[in-house]
Amino acid sequence: RPAARDRTAALTEREREVLGLVGAGLSNAEIARRLHLVEGTVKTYLTSIFTRLEVRNRVQAAIIAYEAGLVGQ
């Protein structure tokens, strides 16, 4: 959906990558392993993503990721 793509356009490439993995249902630990990061860095990315997207939790972020076409990339 265009609205979801517009919302995610302000994210960095890495934030969009993290968001796509959240949308795919991965945990913070799984995202960290996949992207070769420490879990604390993933949490920092998620805090930034939640703030920029104006969402409260992973579920709302995952919905936006799915609608923006970020899941499965």
N, C-alpha and C. Protein backbone atom coordinates (compact mmCIF):
# COMPACT_ATOMS: atom_id res chain seq x y z
N ARG A 1 0.84 -1.19 0.00
CA ARG A 1 0.00 0.00 0.00
C ARG A 1 0.88 1.25 0.00
N PRO A 2 0.47 2.23 -0.74
CA PRO A 2 1.27 3.46 -0.82
C PRO A 2 1.46 4.15 0.54
N ALA A 3 0.45 4.16 1.38
CA ALA A 3 0.57 4.84 2.68
C ALA A 3 1.66 4.19 3.54
N ALA A 4 1.71 2.88 3.54
CA ALA A 4 2.73 2.17 4.33
C ALA A 4 4.11 2.42 3.73
N ARG A 5 4.22 2.44 2.41
CA ARG A 5 5.51 2.72 1.77
C ARG A 5 5.98 4.13 2.10
N ASP A 6 5.04 5.07 2.13
CA ASP A 6 5.38 6.45 2.49
C ASP A 6 5.91 6.52 3.92
N ARG A 7 5.30 5.78 4.82
CA ARG A 7 5.72 5.81 6.23
C ARG A 7 7.11 5.22 6.39
N THR A 8 7.44 4.19 5.62
CA THR A 8 8.74 3.54 5.77
C THR A 8 9.83 4.23 4.96
N ALA A 9 9.48 5.17 4.11
CA ALA A 9 10.46 5.87 3.28
C ALA A 9 11.47 6.66 4.12
N ALA A 10 11.06 7.11 5.28
CA ALA A 10 11.95 7.90 6.14
C ALA A 10 12.95 7.03 6.90
N LEU A 11 12.77 5.72 6.88
CA LEU A 11 13.67 4.82 7.58
C LEU A 11 14.96 4.63 6.79
N THR A 12 16.03 4.33 7.51
CA THR A 12 17.28 3.99 6.82
C THR A 12 17.13 2.62 6.19
N GLU A 13 18.07 2.28 5.32
CA GLU A 13 18.04 0.97 4.68
C GLU A 13 18.11 -0.14 5.73
N ARG A 14 18.96 0.03 6.73
CA ARG A 14 19.10 -0.99 7.78
C ARG A 14 17.82 -1.09 8.61
N GLU A 15 17.19 0.04 8.90
CA GLU A 15 15.93 0.02 9.65
C GLU A 15 14.85 -0.71 8.86
N ARG A 16 14.81 -0.49 7.55
CA ARG A 16 13.83 -1.21 6.72
C ARG A 16 14.12 -2.71 6.72
N GLU A 17 15.40 -3.06 6.72
CA GLU A 17 15.78 -4.47 6.77
C GLU A 17 15.33 -5.10 8.09
N VAL A 18 15.58 -4.42 9.20
CA VAL A 18 15.15 -4.90 10.51
C VAL A 18 13.63 -5.00 10.55
N LEU A 19 12.94 -3.99 10.05
CA LEU A 19 11.48 -4.00 10.04
C LEU A 19 10.95 -5.17 9.24
N GLY A 20 11.55 -5.46 8.11
CA GLY A 20 11.12 -6.61 7.30
C GLY A 20 11.26 -7.92 8.05
N LEU A 21 12.33 -8.04 8.84
CA LEU A 21 12.53 -9.27 9.62
C LEU A 21 11.55 -9.34 10.78
N VAL A 22 11.20 -8.20 11.36
CA VAL A 22 10.14 -8.17 12.39
C VAL A 22 8.84 -8.64 11.75
N GLY A 23 8.56 -8.14 10.56
CA GLY A 23 7.34 -8.54 9.84
C GLY A 23 7.31 -10.02 9.52
N ALA A 24 8.49 -10.61 9.35
CA ALA A 24 8.58 -12.04 9.08
C ALA A 24 8.47 -12.88 10.35
N GLY A 25 8.39 -12.20 11.51
CA GLY A 25 8.17 -12.91 12.77
C GLY A 25 9.43 -13.28 13.53
N LEU A 26 10.58 -12.75 13.14
CA LEU A 26 11.81 -13.08 13.83
C LEU A 26 11.91 -12.34 15.16
N SER A 27 12.53 -12.99 16.13
CA SER A 27 12.78 -12.38 17.44
C SER A 27 13.99 -11.46 17.33
N ASN A 28 14.23 -10.67 18.37
CA ASN A 28 15.40 -9.80 18.38
C ASN A 28 16.69 -10.61 18.24
N ALA A 29 16.77 -11.72 18.94
CA ALA A 29 17.96 -12.57 18.88
C ALA A 29 18.16 -13.13 17.47
N GLU A 30 17.08 -13.56 16.84
CA GLU A 30 17.17 -14.10 15.48
C GLU A 30 17.59 -13.02 14.48
N ILE A 31 17.05 -11.81 14.65
CA ILE A 31 17.43 -10.69 13.77
C ILE A 31 18.91 -10.39 13.97
N ALA A 32 19.36 -10.36 15.21
CA ALA A 32 20.77 -10.08 15.50
C ALA A 32 21.68 -11.10 14.83
N ARG A 33 21.34 -12.37 14.94
CA ARG A 33 22.15 -13.41 14.29
C ARG A 33 22.15 -13.25 12.77
N ARG A 34 20.98 -13.02 12.21
CA ARG A 34 20.85 -12.90 10.76
C ARG A 34 21.66 -11.73 10.21
N LEU A 35 21.68 -10.60 10.94
CA LEU A 35 22.34 -9.39 10.45
C LEU A 35 23.74 -9.20 11.05
N HIS A 36 24.20 -10.17 11.84
CA HIS A 36 25.52 -10.11 12.48
C HIS A 36 25.65 -8.87 13.36
N LEU A 37 24.65 -8.69 14.22
CA LEU A 37 24.61 -7.58 15.17
C LEU A 37 24.48 -8.14 16.57
N VAL A 38 24.70 -7.29 17.57
CA VAL A 38 24.38 -7.70 18.92
C VAL A 38 22.90 -7.36 19.17
N GLU A 39 22.29 -8.08 20.08
CA GLU A 39 20.86 -7.90 20.33
C GLU A 39 20.52 -6.48 20.78
N GLY A 40 21.40 -5.85 21.53
CA GLY A 40 21.17 -4.48 21.97
C GLY A 40 21.05 -3.51 20.80
N THR A 41 21.81 -3.75 19.74
CA THR A 41 21.73 -2.90 18.55
C THR A 41 20.38 -3.07 17.87
N VAL A 42 19.89 -4.29 17.82
CA VAL A 42 18.57 -4.55 17.24
C VAL A 42 17.51 -3.79 18.04
N LYS A 43 17.60 -3.84 19.36
CA LYS A 43 16.64 -3.12 20.20
C LYS A 43 16.69 -1.62 19.94
N THR A 44 17.89 -1.09 19.72
CA THR A 44 18.03 0.33 19.41
C THR A 44 17.36 0.65 18.08
N TYR A 45 17.59 -0.20 17.08
CA TYR A 45 16.92 -0.01 15.79
C TYR A 45 15.40 -0.03 15.96
N LEU A 46 14.90 -0.98 16.74
CA LEU A 46 13.46 -1.09 16.93
C LEU A 46 12.87 0.14 17.62
N THR A 47 13.58 0.66 18.59
CA THR A 47 13.11 1.87 19.26
C THR A 47 12.98 3.01 18.26
N SER A 48 13.98 3.16 17.41
CA SER A 48 13.95 4.19 16.38
C SER A 48 12.82 3.96 15.38
N ILE A 49 12.65 2.71 14.97
CA ILE A 49 11.59 2.36 14.01
C ILE A 49 10.22 2.66 14.61
N PHE A 50 9.99 2.24 15.84
CA PHE A 50 8.70 2.47 16.48
C PHE A 50 8.41 3.97 16.58
N THR A 51 9.43 4.75 16.91
CA THR A 51 9.25 6.19 17.02
C THR A 51 8.92 6.82 15.68
N ARG A 52 9.70 6.48 14.67
CA ARG A 52 9.49 7.07 13.34
C ARG A 52 8.15 6.66 12.72
N LEU A 53 7.75 5.43 12.96
CA LEU A 53 6.48 4.96 12.40
C LEU A 53 5.28 5.31 13.28
N GLU A 54 5.58 5.80 14.48
CA GLU A 54 4.54 6.14 15.45
C GLU A 54 3.67 4.94 15.78
N VAL A 55 4.34 3.83 16.12
CA VAL A 55 3.65 2.61 16.54
C VAL A 55 4.10 2.27 17.95
N ARG A 56 3.33 1.44 18.63
CA ARG A 56 3.62 1.09 20.02
C ARG A 56 4.29 -0.26 20.20
N ASN A 57 4.14 -1.15 19.21
CA ASN A 57 4.65 -2.50 19.43
C ASN A 57 5.03 -3.18 18.12
N ARG A 58 5.56 -4.40 18.27
CA ARG A 58 6.02 -5.19 17.13
C ARG A 58 4.88 -5.54 16.18
N VAL A 59 3.72 -5.80 16.72
CA VAL A 59 2.59 -6.20 15.89
C VAL A 59 2.22 -5.06 14.92
N GLN A 60 2.11 -3.86 15.44
CA GLN A 60 1.79 -2.72 14.58
C GLN A 60 2.90 -2.49 13.56
N ALA A 61 4.15 -2.64 13.97
CA ALA A 61 5.27 -2.48 13.06
C ALA A 61 5.25 -3.57 11.99
N ALA A 62 4.94 -4.79 12.38
CA ALA A 62 4.90 -5.91 11.43
C ALA A 62 3.81 -5.69 10.37
N ILE A 63 2.69 -5.15 10.78
CA ILE A 63 1.61 -4.86 9.82
C ILE A 63 2.08 -3.86 8.79
N ILE A 64 2.75 -2.81 9.24
CA ILE A 64 3.27 -1.81 8.31
C ILE A 64 4.31 -2.43 7.38
N ALA A 65 5.18 -3.27 7.93
CA ALA A 65 6.20 -3.94 7.12
C ALA A 65 5.54 -4.76 6.01
N TYR A 66 4.51 -5.50 6.37
CA TYR A 66 3.81 -6.33 5.40
C TYR A 66 3.14 -5.46 4.33
N GLU A 67 2.44 -4.42 4.76
CA GLU A 67 1.74 -3.54 3.83
C GLU A 67 2.70 -2.78 2.91
N ALA A 68 3.92 -2.50 3.41
CA ALA A 68 4.91 -1.78 2.62
C ALA A 68 5.70 -2.72 1.69
N GLY A 69 5.45 -4.00 1.81
CA GLY A 69 6.14 -4.96 0.95
C GLY A 69 7.55 -5.30 1.40
N LEU A 70 7.83 -5.09 2.68
CA LEU A 70 9.18 -5.34 3.20
C LEU A 70 9.38 -6.78 3.66
N VAL A 71 8.33 -7.51 3.83
CA VAL A 71 8.43 -8.89 4.31
C VAL A 71 8.82 -9.80 3.15
N GLY A 72 9.88 -10.59 3.38
CA GLY A 72 10.30 -11.53 2.35
C GLY A 72 11.30 -10.98 1.37
N GLN A 73 11.85 -9.81 1.66
CA GLN A 73 12.85 -9.24 0.74
C GLN A 73 14.22 -9.75 1.08
